[in-house]
N, C-alpha and C. Protein backbone atom coordinates (compact mmCIF):
# COMPACT_ATOMS: atom_id res chain seq x y z
N MET A 1 39.70 -30.55 -78.27
CA MET A 1 39.38 -29.12 -78.58
C MET A 1 40.55 -28.54 -78.10
N ASP A 2 41.18 -27.75 -79.00
CA ASP A 2 42.43 -26.66 -78.39
C ASP A 2 41.71 -25.36 -77.81
N GLN A 3 42.82 -24.69 -77.18
CA GLN A 3 42.51 -23.43 -76.48
C GLN A 3 41.62 -22.27 -77.44
N LEU A 4 42.16 -22.48 -78.72
CA LEU A 4 41.65 -21.30 -79.61
C LEU A 4 40.25 -21.63 -80.11
N GLU A 5 39.98 -23.05 -80.19
CA GLU A 5 38.51 -23.19 -80.52
C GLU A 5 37.70 -23.18 -79.13
N ALA A 6 38.15 -23.49 -77.94
CA ALA A 6 37.39 -23.22 -76.87
C ALA A 6 37.11 -21.75 -76.58
N GLU A 7 37.92 -20.93 -76.94
CA GLU A 7 37.79 -19.49 -76.82
C GLU A 7 36.72 -19.07 -77.99
N ARG A 8 36.88 -19.57 -79.20
CA ARG A 8 35.89 -19.30 -80.11
C ARG A 8 34.41 -19.55 -79.81
N GLN A 9 34.39 -20.82 -79.23
CA GLN A 9 32.86 -21.36 -78.81
C GLN A 9 32.61 -20.34 -77.84
N ALA A 10 33.26 -19.98 -76.76
CA ALA A 10 33.07 -19.08 -75.53
C ALA A 10 32.43 -17.56 -76.32
N ASP A 11 33.24 -17.02 -77.16
CA ASP A 11 32.90 -15.86 -77.82
C ASP A 11 31.37 -16.04 -78.68
N ALA A 12 31.25 -17.21 -79.25
CA ALA A 12 29.86 -17.41 -79.86
C ALA A 12 28.73 -17.50 -78.81
N ARG A 13 29.08 -18.24 -77.55
CA ARG A 13 27.83 -18.04 -76.49
C ARG A 13 27.81 -16.89 -75.96
N PHE A 14 28.69 -15.83 -75.82
CA PHE A 14 28.60 -14.59 -75.49
C PHE A 14 27.72 -13.71 -76.42
N ALA A 15 28.10 -13.93 -77.74
CA ALA A 15 27.12 -13.39 -78.76
C ALA A 15 25.79 -13.84 -78.71
N GLU A 16 25.54 -15.13 -78.55
CA GLU A 16 24.22 -15.53 -78.25
C GLU A 16 23.47 -14.97 -77.30
N HIS A 17 24.05 -14.80 -76.06
CA HIS A 17 23.29 -14.29 -74.90
C HIS A 17 23.25 -12.69 -75.10
N ALA A 18 24.20 -12.09 -75.78
CA ALA A 18 23.99 -10.61 -75.94
C ALA A 18 22.78 -10.33 -76.82
N GLU A 19 22.58 -11.15 -77.64
CA GLU A 19 21.50 -11.08 -78.65
C GLU A 19 20.12 -11.30 -78.03
N ASP A 20 20.14 -12.39 -76.99
CA ASP A 20 18.99 -12.81 -76.15
C ASP A 20 18.64 -11.44 -75.20
N LEU A 21 19.81 -10.85 -74.52
CA LEU A 21 19.54 -9.57 -73.72
C LEU A 21 18.81 -8.53 -74.74
N ARG A 22 19.46 -8.37 -75.98
CA ARG A 22 18.84 -7.27 -76.69
C ARG A 22 17.47 -7.54 -77.24
N ARG A 23 17.29 -8.77 -77.37
CA ARG A 23 15.88 -8.97 -77.86
C ARG A 23 14.90 -8.95 -76.63
N ALA A 24 15.30 -9.20 -75.48
CA ALA A 24 14.51 -8.86 -74.26
C ALA A 24 14.20 -7.34 -74.04
N LEU A 25 15.23 -6.78 -74.26
CA LEU A 25 15.12 -5.30 -74.05
C LEU A 25 14.08 -4.57 -75.10
N ALA A 26 14.12 -4.95 -76.27
CA ALA A 26 13.48 -4.36 -77.36
C ALA A 26 12.03 -4.86 -77.16
N GLU A 27 11.76 -6.15 -76.81
CA GLU A 27 10.47 -6.40 -76.50
C GLU A 27 9.83 -5.91 -75.19
N THR A 28 10.51 -5.41 -74.33
CA THR A 28 9.88 -4.88 -73.05
C THR A 28 9.80 -3.46 -73.63
N PHE A 29 10.65 -2.73 -74.11
CA PHE A 29 10.76 -1.33 -74.74
C PHE A 29 9.32 -1.16 -75.68
N ARG A 30 8.89 -2.12 -76.52
CA ARG A 30 7.78 -2.07 -77.17
C ARG A 30 6.66 -2.17 -76.58
N GLU A 31 6.55 -3.11 -75.53
CA GLU A 31 5.29 -3.31 -74.86
C GLU A 31 5.09 -2.16 -73.77
N VAL A 32 5.84 -1.24 -73.51
CA VAL A 32 5.48 -0.20 -72.51
C VAL A 32 5.07 0.88 -73.18
N LEU A 33 5.59 1.24 -74.50
CA LEU A 33 5.24 2.48 -75.20
C LEU A 33 3.87 2.28 -75.52
N PRO A 34 3.19 3.62 -74.76
CA PRO A 34 1.70 3.57 -74.76
C PRO A 34 0.94 4.31 -76.21
N GLY A 35 1.84 4.36 -77.21
CA GLY A 35 1.36 4.62 -78.49
C GLY A 35 1.17 6.14 -78.67
N ASN A 36 0.96 6.99 -77.59
CA ASN A 36 0.63 8.42 -77.68
C ASN A 36 2.23 9.15 -77.13
N HIS A 37 3.11 8.29 -77.10
CA HIS A 37 4.42 8.91 -76.62
C HIS A 37 5.09 9.53 -77.69
N SER A 38 6.13 10.52 -77.34
CA SER A 38 7.03 11.29 -77.84
C SER A 38 8.14 10.78 -78.59
N PRO A 39 8.89 11.05 -79.74
CA PRO A 39 9.94 10.39 -80.06
C PRO A 39 11.06 10.74 -78.81
N ALA A 40 11.02 11.89 -78.24
CA ALA A 40 11.96 11.93 -77.00
C ALA A 40 11.69 11.16 -75.96
N GLN A 41 10.54 10.72 -75.72
CA GLN A 41 10.22 9.80 -74.50
C GLN A 41 10.71 8.43 -75.02
N ALA A 42 10.64 8.10 -76.31
CA ALA A 42 10.89 6.73 -76.52
C ALA A 42 12.53 6.63 -76.74
N LEU A 43 13.38 7.57 -77.22
CA LEU A 43 14.53 7.56 -77.48
C LEU A 43 15.30 7.53 -75.81
N LEU A 44 14.80 8.52 -74.93
CA LEU A 44 15.27 8.35 -73.58
C LEU A 44 15.08 7.02 -72.83
N LEU A 45 13.82 6.61 -73.20
CA LEU A 45 13.71 5.54 -72.36
C LEU A 45 14.50 4.27 -73.12
N ALA A 46 14.97 4.29 -73.95
CA ALA A 46 16.05 3.18 -74.61
C ALA A 46 17.27 3.51 -73.81
N HIS A 47 17.51 4.76 -73.62
CA HIS A 47 18.91 4.96 -73.01
C HIS A 47 18.69 4.67 -71.63
N LEU A 48 17.61 5.14 -70.99
CA LEU A 48 17.58 4.92 -69.43
C LEU A 48 17.47 3.38 -69.10
N MET A 49 16.74 2.48 -70.04
CA MET A 49 16.73 1.05 -69.85
C MET A 49 17.96 0.55 -69.57
N THR A 50 19.22 1.09 -70.18
CA THR A 50 20.36 0.64 -70.41
C THR A 50 21.31 1.25 -69.28
N ALA A 51 20.79 2.02 -68.57
CA ALA A 51 21.63 2.95 -67.72
C ALA A 51 22.20 2.24 -66.38
N THR A 52 23.06 2.94 -65.77
CA THR A 52 23.60 2.18 -64.68
C THR A 52 23.62 3.52 -63.49
N ASP A 53 23.58 2.93 -62.26
CA ASP A 53 23.45 3.80 -61.15
C ASP A 53 25.26 3.91 -60.66
N GLY A 54 26.06 3.79 -61.61
CA GLY A 54 27.40 3.94 -61.09
C GLY A 54 27.97 2.46 -60.37
N TYR A 55 27.18 1.64 -59.92
CA TYR A 55 27.55 0.45 -59.37
C TYR A 55 26.79 -0.72 -60.08
N ASN A 56 25.58 -0.63 -60.41
CA ASN A 56 24.81 -1.64 -60.87
C ASN A 56 24.00 -1.08 -62.19
N GLU A 57 23.57 -2.10 -62.89
CA GLU A 57 22.42 -1.65 -63.94
C GLU A 57 21.19 -1.17 -63.28
N VAL A 58 20.46 -0.36 -63.90
CA VAL A 58 19.18 0.19 -63.41
C VAL A 58 18.15 -1.13 -63.91
N ILE A 59 17.29 -1.46 -63.08
CA ILE A 59 16.43 -2.54 -63.25
C ILE A 59 14.99 -1.63 -63.63
N PHE A 60 14.62 -1.89 -64.90
CA PHE A 60 13.25 -1.46 -65.23
C PHE A 60 12.19 -2.10 -64.77
N THR A 61 11.17 -1.51 -64.28
CA THR A 61 9.86 -2.14 -63.88
C THR A 61 8.64 -1.38 -64.56
N PRO A 62 8.05 -2.46 -65.20
CA PRO A 62 6.77 -1.69 -65.94
C PRO A 62 5.57 -1.12 -64.98
N GLU A 63 5.59 -1.45 -63.60
CA GLU A 63 4.74 -1.09 -62.76
C GLU A 63 5.32 -0.26 -61.61
N TRP A 64 5.13 0.97 -61.35
CA TRP A 64 5.95 1.64 -60.29
C TRP A 64 5.49 1.05 -58.99
N ALA A 65 4.40 0.77 -58.87
CA ALA A 65 3.97 -0.07 -57.40
C ALA A 65 4.62 -1.28 -57.17
N LEU A 66 5.21 -1.68 -58.26
CA LEU A 66 5.53 -3.32 -58.08
C LEU A 66 7.09 -3.22 -58.02
N ARG A 67 7.72 -2.06 -58.01
CA ARG A 67 9.23 -1.86 -57.96
C ARG A 67 9.77 -2.41 -56.52
N PRO A 68 11.08 -3.04 -56.57
CA PRO A 68 11.67 -3.78 -55.62
C PRO A 68 11.61 -2.82 -54.24
N THR A 69 11.22 -3.29 -53.09
CA THR A 69 11.43 -2.34 -52.06
C THR A 69 12.17 -2.93 -50.84
N ILE A 70 12.92 -3.98 -51.16
CA ILE A 70 13.86 -4.35 -50.14
C ILE A 70 15.20 -4.62 -50.83
N GLY A 71 16.15 -4.59 -50.21
CA GLY A 71 17.66 -5.03 -50.85
C GLY A 71 18.23 -3.67 -51.41
N ALA A 72 19.08 -3.89 -52.24
CA ALA A 72 20.00 -2.79 -52.85
C ALA A 72 19.75 -2.73 -54.44
N ALA A 73 19.18 -1.79 -54.92
CA ALA A 73 18.89 -1.72 -56.26
C ALA A 73 18.57 -0.31 -56.56
N THR A 74 18.56 -0.05 -58.08
CA THR A 74 17.93 1.17 -58.72
C THR A 74 16.89 0.81 -59.58
N SER A 75 15.71 1.26 -59.26
CA SER A 75 14.45 0.89 -60.14
C SER A 75 14.39 2.21 -61.02
N LEU A 76 13.64 1.77 -62.17
CA LEU A 76 13.21 2.90 -63.26
C LEU A 76 11.78 2.41 -63.58
N ALA A 77 10.84 3.33 -63.81
CA ALA A 77 9.65 3.12 -64.41
C ALA A 77 9.40 4.31 -65.32
N PHE A 78 8.59 4.00 -66.36
CA PHE A 78 8.35 5.00 -67.28
C PHE A 78 6.76 5.30 -67.45
N LEU A 79 6.52 6.60 -67.21
CA LEU A 79 5.20 7.12 -67.11
C LEU A 79 4.40 6.70 -66.08
N PRO A 80 5.11 6.69 -65.05
CA PRO A 80 4.41 6.18 -63.46
C PRO A 80 3.82 7.42 -63.01
N GLU A 81 2.62 7.04 -62.14
CA GLU A 81 1.98 7.86 -61.51
C GLU A 81 2.37 7.68 -59.99
N ILE A 82 3.30 8.69 -59.47
CA ILE A 82 4.34 8.47 -58.36
C ILE A 82 3.39 9.18 -57.14
N PHE A 83 2.47 10.14 -57.38
CA PHE A 83 1.55 10.47 -56.33
C PHE A 83 0.16 10.56 -57.09
N ARG A 84 -0.82 10.69 -56.39
CA ARG A 84 -2.19 10.76 -56.83
C ARG A 84 -2.16 11.98 -58.03
N ASN A 85 -2.58 11.49 -59.15
CA ASN A 85 -2.52 12.72 -60.29
C ASN A 85 -1.32 13.35 -60.74
N VAL A 86 -0.22 12.74 -60.31
CA VAL A 86 1.19 13.39 -60.69
C VAL A 86 1.75 12.12 -61.46
N VAL A 87 1.87 12.15 -62.78
CA VAL A 87 2.39 11.36 -63.53
C VAL A 87 3.81 12.17 -64.14
N VAL A 88 4.88 11.38 -64.10
CA VAL A 88 6.08 11.84 -64.63
C VAL A 88 6.59 10.94 -65.81
N ASP A 89 7.45 11.52 -66.65
CA ASP A 89 8.13 10.78 -67.66
C ASP A 89 8.70 9.64 -67.21
N PHE A 90 9.63 9.76 -66.31
CA PHE A 90 10.67 8.74 -65.82
C PHE A 90 10.79 8.85 -64.46
N ALA A 91 10.66 7.65 -63.51
CA ALA A 91 10.99 7.89 -62.09
C ALA A 91 11.96 6.67 -61.66
N PHE A 92 12.90 7.05 -60.94
CA PHE A 92 13.96 6.13 -60.36
C PHE A 92 13.75 6.14 -58.75
N GLU A 93 13.87 4.96 -58.04
CA GLU A 93 14.25 4.85 -56.98
C GLU A 93 15.30 3.88 -56.57
N ALA A 94 16.38 4.62 -55.73
CA ALA A 94 17.52 4.04 -55.44
C ALA A 94 17.44 3.54 -54.08
N ARG A 95 17.86 2.28 -53.65
CA ARG A 95 17.80 2.00 -52.41
C ARG A 95 18.85 1.11 -52.09
N TYR A 96 19.36 1.45 -50.62
CA TYR A 96 20.49 0.30 -50.13
C TYR A 96 19.83 0.02 -48.79
N PHE A 97 18.99 -1.06 -48.85
CA PHE A 97 18.36 -1.58 -47.64
C PHE A 97 17.31 -0.53 -47.11
N GLY A 98 17.67 0.06 -45.89
CA GLY A 98 16.49 0.87 -45.44
C GLY A 98 16.90 2.39 -45.73
N HIS A 99 17.75 2.54 -46.54
CA HIS A 99 17.83 4.01 -47.19
C HIS A 99 17.18 4.01 -48.64
N VAL A 100 16.54 4.97 -48.96
CA VAL A 100 15.75 5.04 -50.14
C VAL A 100 15.92 6.66 -50.81
N ALA A 101 16.03 6.85 -51.97
CA ALA A 101 16.05 8.01 -52.36
C ALA A 101 15.35 8.15 -53.94
N GLN A 102 14.41 9.15 -54.21
CA GLN A 102 14.05 9.04 -55.51
C GLN A 102 14.29 10.15 -56.34
N MET A 103 14.18 9.97 -57.76
CA MET A 103 14.44 10.90 -58.66
C MET A 103 13.56 10.94 -59.95
N VAL A 104 13.24 11.95 -60.37
CA VAL A 104 12.33 11.90 -61.82
C VAL A 104 13.01 12.56 -62.77
N VAL A 105 12.89 12.39 -63.93
CA VAL A 105 13.12 12.65 -65.08
C VAL A 105 12.17 13.21 -65.97
N LEU A 106 12.07 14.65 -66.13
CA LEU A 106 10.82 15.16 -67.05
C LEU A 106 11.55 15.75 -68.30
N ILE A 107 10.53 15.46 -69.39
CA ILE A 107 10.90 16.02 -70.61
C ILE A 107 10.16 17.37 -70.92
N ASP A 108 10.76 18.51 -70.91
CA ASP A 108 9.91 19.71 -71.23
C ASP A 108 9.73 19.75 -72.64
N ASP A 109 8.53 19.47 -72.97
CA ASP A 109 7.94 19.49 -74.56
C ASP A 109 6.94 20.72 -74.65
N TYR A 110 6.50 21.38 -73.65
CA TYR A 110 5.54 22.52 -73.69
C TYR A 110 6.38 23.97 -73.25
N ARG A 111 6.54 24.70 -74.26
CA ARG A 111 7.28 25.91 -74.04
C ARG A 111 8.47 25.72 -73.33
N PRO A 112 9.38 24.79 -73.87
CA PRO A 112 10.62 24.77 -73.32
C PRO A 112 11.71 25.69 -72.99
N GLY A 113 12.10 25.74 -71.78
CA GLY A 113 13.04 26.67 -71.30
C GLY A 113 12.22 27.77 -70.52
N GLU A 114 10.95 28.00 -70.80
CA GLU A 114 10.18 28.90 -70.20
C GLU A 114 9.69 28.45 -68.75
N ARG A 115 9.97 29.22 -67.77
CA ARG A 115 9.70 28.76 -66.30
C ARG A 115 8.11 29.32 -66.00
N ILE A 116 7.39 28.68 -66.49
CA ILE A 116 5.67 28.89 -66.30
C ILE A 116 5.30 28.18 -64.72
N ALA A 117 4.27 28.95 -64.43
CA ALA A 117 3.59 28.41 -63.11
C ALA A 117 3.23 27.18 -62.96
N ALA A 118 2.68 26.53 -63.92
CA ALA A 118 2.31 24.87 -63.83
C ALA A 118 3.45 24.18 -63.91
N LYS A 119 4.64 24.53 -64.43
CA LYS A 119 5.89 23.67 -64.57
C LYS A 119 6.67 23.97 -63.07
N LEU A 120 6.55 25.04 -62.63
CA LEU A 120 7.07 25.40 -61.51
C LEU A 120 6.37 24.68 -60.32
N GLN A 121 5.06 24.69 -60.18
CA GLN A 121 4.23 24.02 -59.38
C GLN A 121 4.31 22.61 -59.27
N ARG A 122 4.59 21.91 -60.42
CA ARG A 122 4.80 20.47 -60.47
C ARG A 122 6.19 20.05 -59.77
N GLU A 123 7.08 20.93 -60.22
CA GLU A 123 8.41 20.68 -59.92
C GLU A 123 8.46 20.72 -58.35
N ASN A 124 7.91 21.86 -57.80
CA ASN A 124 7.82 22.17 -56.34
C ASN A 124 7.26 21.02 -55.49
N VAL A 125 6.01 20.40 -56.04
CA VAL A 125 5.34 19.43 -55.37
C VAL A 125 6.51 18.34 -55.25
N LEU A 126 7.14 17.82 -56.19
CA LEU A 126 8.09 16.89 -56.30
C LEU A 126 9.47 16.94 -55.47
N VAL A 127 9.86 18.28 -55.45
CA VAL A 127 10.93 18.62 -54.31
C VAL A 127 10.68 18.54 -53.09
N SER A 128 9.28 19.31 -52.81
CA SER A 128 9.12 19.33 -51.42
C SER A 128 8.69 17.90 -50.92
N ALA A 129 8.56 16.74 -51.90
CA ALA A 129 8.52 15.52 -51.30
C ALA A 129 9.80 14.90 -51.11
N GLY A 130 10.84 15.48 -51.51
CA GLY A 130 12.14 15.04 -51.36
C GLY A 130 12.63 14.20 -52.52
N ILE A 131 11.93 14.52 -53.64
CA ILE A 131 12.44 13.98 -54.96
C ILE A 131 13.29 14.65 -55.62
N ARG A 132 14.35 14.16 -56.28
CA ARG A 132 15.28 15.06 -57.27
C ARG A 132 14.54 15.26 -58.34
N VAL A 133 14.68 16.21 -59.13
CA VAL A 133 14.10 16.45 -60.39
C VAL A 133 15.16 16.84 -61.43
N VAL A 134 15.37 16.23 -62.35
CA VAL A 134 16.14 16.53 -63.69
C VAL A 134 15.11 16.67 -64.89
N VAL A 135 15.36 17.97 -65.53
CA VAL A 135 14.42 18.26 -66.62
C VAL A 135 15.38 18.42 -68.01
N PHE A 136 14.94 17.82 -68.98
CA PHE A 136 15.82 17.99 -70.42
C PHE A 136 14.69 18.62 -71.07
N SER A 137 14.89 19.24 -72.25
CA SER A 137 14.06 19.81 -73.30
C SER A 137 14.19 18.77 -74.44
N GLU A 138 13.04 18.43 -75.18
CA GLU A 138 12.93 17.59 -76.30
C GLU A 138 14.16 17.64 -77.18
N ASN A 139 14.50 18.94 -77.37
CA ASN A 139 15.80 18.87 -78.43
C ASN A 139 17.01 18.47 -77.74
N GLU A 140 17.21 18.81 -76.41
CA GLU A 140 18.32 18.02 -75.59
C GLU A 140 18.35 16.42 -75.80
N VAL A 141 17.31 15.86 -75.65
CA VAL A 141 17.12 14.45 -75.85
C VAL A 141 17.26 14.02 -77.24
N LEU A 142 16.57 14.81 -78.15
CA LEU A 142 16.75 14.25 -79.59
C LEU A 142 18.11 14.72 -80.17
N GLY A 143 18.90 15.64 -79.69
CA GLY A 143 20.13 15.94 -80.15
C GLY A 143 21.24 15.18 -79.59
N ASP A 144 21.24 14.67 -78.23
CA ASP A 144 22.33 14.10 -77.65
C ASP A 144 21.75 13.23 -76.55
N ALA A 145 21.05 12.14 -76.80
CA ALA A 145 20.30 11.30 -75.75
C ALA A 145 21.52 10.65 -74.93
N SER A 146 22.68 10.28 -75.47
CA SER A 146 23.82 9.73 -74.87
C SER A 146 24.17 10.77 -73.73
N ALA A 147 24.01 12.01 -73.90
CA ALA A 147 24.55 13.00 -72.78
C ALA A 147 23.50 13.09 -71.85
N CYS A 148 22.36 13.13 -72.26
CA CYS A 148 21.07 13.09 -71.33
C CYS A 148 21.46 11.81 -70.44
N ARG A 149 21.49 10.63 -70.92
CA ARG A 149 21.56 9.53 -70.15
C ARG A 149 22.77 9.64 -69.04
N ARG A 150 24.02 10.08 -69.53
CA ARG A 150 25.36 10.29 -68.68
C ARG A 150 24.88 11.41 -67.55
N ARG A 151 24.09 12.18 -67.93
CA ARG A 151 23.89 13.20 -66.62
C ARG A 151 22.91 12.64 -65.71
N VAL A 152 21.91 11.55 -66.28
CA VAL A 152 21.16 10.99 -65.29
C VAL A 152 21.94 10.09 -64.42
N GLU A 153 22.94 9.40 -65.20
CA GLU A 153 23.64 8.29 -64.72
C GLU A 153 24.63 9.21 -63.40
N GLN A 154 25.19 10.27 -63.58
CA GLN A 154 25.83 11.03 -62.76
C GLN A 154 25.17 11.29 -61.58
N VAL A 155 23.68 11.83 -61.77
CA VAL A 155 23.10 12.19 -60.59
C VAL A 155 22.53 10.93 -59.72
N LEU A 156 22.35 9.79 -60.41
CA LEU A 156 22.02 8.36 -59.73
C LEU A 156 23.49 7.97 -59.07
N LEU A 157 24.30 8.05 -59.63
CA LEU A 157 25.83 7.85 -58.68
C LEU A 157 25.95 8.76 -57.48
N ASN A 158 25.63 9.97 -57.58
CA ASN A 158 25.75 10.74 -56.34
C ASN A 158 24.44 10.35 -55.43
N ILE A 159 23.28 9.92 -55.81
CA ILE A 159 22.25 9.55 -54.95
C ILE A 159 22.60 8.08 -54.32
N VAL A 160 23.27 7.49 -54.99
CA VAL A 160 23.57 5.88 -54.40
C VAL A 160 24.78 6.30 -53.44
N GLU A 161 25.73 7.01 -53.76
CA GLU A 161 26.84 7.23 -52.80
C GLU A 161 26.30 7.92 -51.74
N GLY A 162 25.35 8.79 -51.66
CA GLY A 162 24.85 9.45 -50.34
C GLY A 162 24.14 8.23 -49.56
N LEU A 163 23.43 7.35 -50.39
CA LEU A 163 22.78 6.18 -49.53
C LEU A 163 24.00 5.34 -48.82
N LEU A 164 25.01 4.94 -49.70
CA LEU A 164 26.00 4.34 -49.03
C LEU A 164 26.63 5.05 -47.80
N THR A 165 26.75 6.25 -47.87
CA THR A 165 27.29 7.11 -47.05
C THR A 165 26.53 7.09 -45.77
N ASP A 166 25.17 7.22 -45.98
CA ASP A 166 24.19 7.38 -44.93
C ASP A 166 24.18 6.02 -44.13
N ALA A 167 24.48 4.89 -44.90
CA ALA A 167 24.63 3.63 -44.20
C ALA A 167 25.76 3.25 -43.59
N GLY A 168 26.62 3.91 -43.86
CA GLY A 168 28.02 3.76 -43.36
C GLY A 168 28.82 2.89 -44.03
N VAL A 169 28.62 2.54 -45.40
CA VAL A 169 29.19 1.79 -46.10
C VAL A 169 30.43 2.34 -46.80
N ILE A 170 30.36 3.79 -47.15
CA ILE A 170 31.60 4.48 -47.52
C ILE A 170 31.89 5.63 -46.62
N PRO A 171 32.97 6.12 -46.39
CA PRO A 171 33.03 7.33 -45.60
C PRO A 171 32.74 8.42 -46.21
N GLU A 172 32.25 9.50 -45.23
CA GLU A 172 31.81 10.75 -45.85
C GLU A 172 33.06 11.59 -46.28
N ALA A 173 32.99 12.29 -47.34
CA ALA A 173 34.12 12.90 -47.82
C ALA A 173 34.50 14.24 -46.67
N ASP A 174 35.59 14.54 -46.83
CA ASP A 174 36.03 15.70 -46.01
C ASP A 174 35.53 16.94 -46.79
N LEU A 175 34.79 17.72 -46.07
CA LEU A 175 33.91 18.94 -46.79
C LEU A 175 34.93 20.04 -47.06
N ASP A 176 36.02 19.97 -46.17
CA ASP A 176 36.92 20.98 -46.36
C ASP A 176 37.86 20.96 -47.47
N GLY A 177 37.85 19.85 -48.24
CA GLY A 177 38.61 19.56 -49.44
C GLY A 177 40.14 18.88 -49.10
N GLY A 178 40.31 18.45 -47.72
CA GLY A 178 41.50 18.05 -47.47
C GLY A 178 41.55 16.64 -47.49
N ASP A 179 42.78 15.88 -47.03
CA ASP A 179 42.58 14.50 -46.96
C ASP A 179 41.54 13.77 -46.16
N PHE A 180 41.20 12.50 -46.28
CA PHE A 180 40.51 11.88 -45.35
C PHE A 180 41.13 11.65 -44.43
N ALA A 181 40.40 11.66 -43.07
CA ALA A 181 41.06 11.31 -41.77
C ALA A 181 41.53 9.81 -41.65
């Protein structure tokens, strides 16, 4: 076997593996959709299942209660009940060993753009628990789901870098805008 044939076979193996990954993602996606989901939820789920936290791929977990609780990873759950009677569209938990932070993503499908009492109360419950909240309208998700994913990935990167800074893994940035000491 010559070099060109070896590389051709390697490429074929990569294609097989990529197809296996695609098939597994699609199967998981279809299994977790509840049937009463919105098009925006389904589209954003697909994008978030393939998101990164800036360092690693996000790990999808079908059950929020079964997400990893040790090590270093960022988990994603769809329609989890994160508190008693508080179900959100998407929940993330980033962890670096003993350092943990959470974020939720909500899709505003009821009177989008309006700041009504029920929405504010729900968001305040989440924020008061130390959870970051990102909200998209259905139109934002359906119009440019990639941009929504990139925004979530940027917030996740900020969260993970905060955890790594807290853990002493990366230096804290000079807040005066100067050079690192």
